[in-house]
Amino acid sequence: MQEEGVLPNEITMMSLVLECGFSGALELGRQLHNYMLRRGFNMSLALSTALVDMGKSLDQAFDLFVQMRDTGMKPNEVTVVNLLSLCAEAGALDLGKWIHAYIYLFTA
């Protein structure tokens, strides 16, 4: 695409991120995320959720969650479930409680 001067759109990037998650190519996924940040890419809810799901890293997922929140984007159920699942896997009870409080305060 780049050789032809065609820039990727949200659908292209989301497809690539999802495939990185499925195939376990996390380093490539991180490079894609950095590319999107450098290019000022529009981080829609769907794309942000795909990045959270792809990351499977609690720190990275939580950083994306905070970025979503700070830009006024409301995380959906899939994002929150992924975060809570990662908290459970990592034994991060305090962070899980914080996310639960966030759900209770901001979705009620």
C-alpha atoms as a PDB file:
ATOM      1  CA  MET A   1       0.000   0.000   0.000  1.00  0.00           C
ATOM      2  CA  GLN A   2       2.714   2.434   0.990  1.00  0.00           C
ATOM      3  CA  GLU A   3       4.698   1.734  -2.167  1.00  0.00           C
ATOM      4  CA  GLU A   4       1.623   2.750  -4.155  1.00  0.00           C
ATOM      5  CA  GLY A   5       1.091   5.878  -2.037  1.00  0.00           C
ATOM      6  CA  VAL A   6      -2.132   4.535  -0.521  1.00  0.00           C
ATOM      7  CA  LEU A   7      -2.564   5.291   3.168  1.00  0.00           C
ATOM      8  CA  PRO A   8      -4.298   2.746   5.391  1.00  0.00           C
ATOM      9  CA  ASN A   9      -7.694   3.590   6.828  1.00  0.00           C
ATOM     10  CA  GLU A  10      -9.290   2.513  10.111  1.00  0.00           C
ATOM     11  CA  ILE A  11     -10.609  -0.766   8.669  1.00  0.00           C
ATOM     12  CA  THR A  12      -7.185  -1.701   7.324  1.00  0.00           C
ATOM     13  CA  MET A  13      -5.488  -0.942  10.640  1.00  0.00           C
ATOM     14  CA  MET A  14      -8.140  -2.770  12.646  1.00  0.00           C
ATOM     15  CA  SER A  15      -7.777  -5.845  10.412  1.00  0.00           C
ATOM     16  CA  LEU A  16      -4.016  -5.812  10.886  1.00  0.00           C
ATOM     17  CA  VAL A  17      -4.276  -5.352  14.662  1.00  0.00           C
ATOM     18  CA  LEU A  18      -6.794  -8.182  14.973  1.00  0.00           C
ATOM     19  CA  GLU A  19      -4.592 -10.487  12.923  1.00  0.00           C
ATOM     20  CA  CYS A  20      -1.589  -9.607  15.106  1.00  0.00           C
ATOM     21  CA  GLY A  21      -3.626 -10.611  18.135  1.00  0.00           C
ATOM     22  CA  PHE A  22      -4.778 -13.886  16.588  1.00  0.00           C
ATOM     23  CA  SER A  23      -1.318 -14.852  15.378  1.00  0.00           C
ATOM     24  CA  GLY A  24       0.543 -13.672  18.481  1.00  0.00           C
ATOM     25  CA  ALA A  25       2.602 -11.116  16.529  1.00  0.00           C
ATOM     26  CA  LEU A  26       2.585  -8.645  19.408  1.00  0.00           C
ATOM     27  CA  GLU A  27       5.741  -6.816  18.369  1.00  0.00           C
ATOM     28  CA  LEU A  28       4.228  -6.088  14.959  1.00  0.00           C
ATOM     29  CA  GLY A  29       1.035  -5.003  16.729  1.00  0.00           C
ATOM     30  CA  ARG A  30       3.042  -2.578  18.879  1.00  0.00           C
ATOM     31  CA  GLN A  31       4.690  -1.201  15.746  1.00  0.00           C
ATOM     32  CA  LEU A  32       1.264  -0.690  14.185  1.00  0.00           C
ATOM     33  CA  HIS A  33       0.072   1.090  17.324  1.00  0.00           C
ATOM     34  CA  ASN A  34       3.149   3.356  17.242  1.00  0.00           C
ATOM     35  CA  TYR A  35       2.532   4.044  13.544  1.00  0.00           C
ATOM     36  CA  MET A  36      -1.034   5.095  14.320  1.00  0.00           C
ATOM     37  CA  LEU A  37       0.126   7.379  17.132  1.00  0.00           C
ATOM     38  CA  ARG A  38       2.844   8.976  14.981  1.00  0.00           C
ATOM     39  CA  ARG A  39       0.395   9.582  12.134  1.00  0.00           C
ATOM     40  CA  GLY A  40      -2.308  11.036  14.404  1.00  0.00           C
ATOM     41  CA  PHE A  41      -4.649   8.218  13.449  1.00  0.00           C
ATOM     42  CA  ASN A  42      -8.303   8.441  14.462  1.00  0.00           C
ATOM     43  CA  MET A  43      -8.602   5.995  17.359  1.00  0.00           C
ATOM     44  CA  SER A  44     -12.214   4.896  17.185  1.00  0.00           C
ATOM     45  CA  LEU A  45     -13.785   2.778  19.884  1.00  0.00           C
ATOM     46  CA  ALA A  46     -13.565  -0.330  17.691  1.00  0.00           C
ATOM     47  CA  LEU A  47      -9.888   0.222  16.895  1.00  0.00           C
ATOM     48  CA  SER A  48      -9.022   0.989  20.529  1.00  0.00           C
ATOM     49  CA  THR A  49     -10.840  -2.146  21.676  1.00  0.00           C
ATOM     50  CA  ALA A  50      -8.957  -4.211  19.078  1.00  0.00           C
ATOM     51  CA  LEU A  51      -5.667  -2.801  20.410  1.00  0.00           C
ATOM     52  CA  VAL A  52      -6.634  -3.645  23.990  1.00  0.00           C
ATOM     53  CA  ASP A  53      -7.607  -7.163  22.954  1.00  0.00           C
ATOM     54  CA  MET A  54      -4.460  -7.610  20.885  1.00  0.00           C
ATOM     55  CA  GLY A  55      -2.164  -6.422  23.642  1.00  0.00           C
ATOM     56  CA  LYS A  56      -3.093  -9.035  26.224  1.00  0.00           C
ATOM     57  CA  SER A  57      -0.753  -7.087  28.475  1.00  0.00           C
ATOM     58  CA  LEU A  58      -2.368  -5.481  31.485  1.00  0.00           C
ATOM     59  CA  ASP A  59      -0.086  -2.427  31.504  1.00  0.00           C
ATOM     60  CA  GLN A  60      -0.540  -1.793  27.793  1.00  0.00           C
ATOM     61  CA  ALA A  61      -4.283  -2.417  27.932  1.00  0.00           C
ATOM     62  CA  PHE A  62      -4.725  -0.108  30.899  1.00  0.00           C
ATOM     63  CA  ASP A  63      -2.685   2.630  29.189  1.00  0.00           C
ATOM     64  CA  LEU A  64      -4.974   2.376  26.154  1.00  0.00           C
ATOM     65  CA  PHE A  65      -8.009   2.475  28.438  1.00  0.00           C
ATOM     66  CA  VAL A  66      -6.732   5.687  30.045  1.00  0.00           C
ATOM     67  CA  GLN A  67      -6.030   7.193  26.612  1.00  0.00           C
ATOM     68  CA  MET A  68      -9.586   6.347  25.542  1.00  0.00           C
ATOM     69  CA  ARG A  69     -11.011   7.915  28.684  1.00  0.00           C
ATOM     70  CA  ASP A  70      -8.823  11.029  28.403  1.00  0.00           C
ATOM     71  CA  THR A  71      -9.975  11.667  24.835  1.00  0.00           C
ATOM     72  CA  GLY A  72     -13.627  11.405  25.856  1.00  0.00           C
ATOM     73  CA  MET A  73     -14.162   7.987  24.311  1.00  0.00           C
ATOM     74  CA  LYS A  74     -16.454   5.763  26.369  1.00  0.00           C
ATOM     75  CA  PRO A  75     -15.104   2.197  26.546  1.00  0.00           C
ATOM     76  CA  ASN A  76     -17.629  -0.451  25.554  1.00  0.00           C
ATOM     77  CA  GLU A  77     -18.428  -3.747  27.270  1.00  0.00           C
ATOM     78  CA  VAL A  78     -15.825  -5.689  25.296  1.00  0.00           C
ATOM     79  CA  THR A  79     -13.068  -3.303  26.370  1.00  0.00           C
ATOM     80  CA  VAL A  80     -14.061  -3.491  30.036  1.00  0.00           C
ATOM     81  CA  VAL A  81     -14.437  -7.289  30.004  1.00  0.00           C
ATOM     82  CA  ASN A  82     -10.979  -7.631  28.431  1.00  0.00           C
ATOM     83  CA  LEU A  83      -9.496  -5.381  31.099  1.00  0.00           C
ATOM     84  CA  LEU A  84     -11.160  -7.256  33.931  1.00  0.00           C
ATOM     85  CA  SER A  85     -10.032 -10.563  32.456  1.00  0.00           C
ATOM     86  CA  LEU A  86      -6.441  -9.318  32.270  1.00  0.00           C
ATOM     87  CA  CYS A  87      -6.688  -8.104  35.887  1.00  0.00           C
ATOM     88  CA  ALA A  88      -7.862 -11.556  36.951  1.00  0.00           C
ATOM     89  CA  GLU A  89      -5.034 -13.295  35.057  1.00  0.00           C
ATOM     90  CA  ALA A  90      -2.446 -10.965  36.590  1.00  0.00           C
ATOM     91  CA  GLY A  91      -3.931 -11.085  40.084  1.00  0.00           C
ATOM     92  CA  ALA A  92      -4.341  -7.294  39.991  1.00  0.00           C
ATOM     93  CA  LEU A  93      -7.209  -7.064  42.467  1.00  0.00           C
ATOM     94  CA  ASP A  94      -6.835  -3.325  43.202  1.00  0.00           C
ATOM     95  CA  LEU A  95      -6.867  -2.413  39.520  1.00  0.00           C
ATOM     96  CA  GLY A  96      -9.844  -4.708  38.957  1.00  0.00           C
ATOM     97  CA  LYS A  97     -11.684  -2.933  41.783  1.00  0.00           C
ATOM     98  CA  TRP A  98     -10.847   0.434  40.215  1.00  0.00           C
ATOM     99  CA  ILE A  99     -12.252  -0.706  36.850  1.00  0.00           C
ATOM    100  CA  HIS A 100     -15.367  -2.029  38.605  1.00  0.00           C
ATOM    101  CA  ALA A 101     -15.826   1.344  40.320  1.00  0.00           C
ATOM    102  CA  TYR A 102     -15.386   3.061  36.943  1.00  0.00           C
ATOM    103  CA  ILE A 103     -18.137   0.895  35.458  1.00  0.00           C
ATOM    104  CA  TYR A 104     -20.421   1.624  38.381  1.00  0.00           C
ATOM    105  CA  LEU A 105     -19.802   5.388  38.403  1.00  0.00           C
ATOM    106  CA  PHE A 106     -19.719   6.134  34.702  1.00  0.00           C
ATOM    107  CA  THR A 107     -22.207   3.729  33.188  1.00  0.00           C
ATOM    108  CA  ALA A 108     -25.023   4.091  35.685  1.00  0.00           C
END
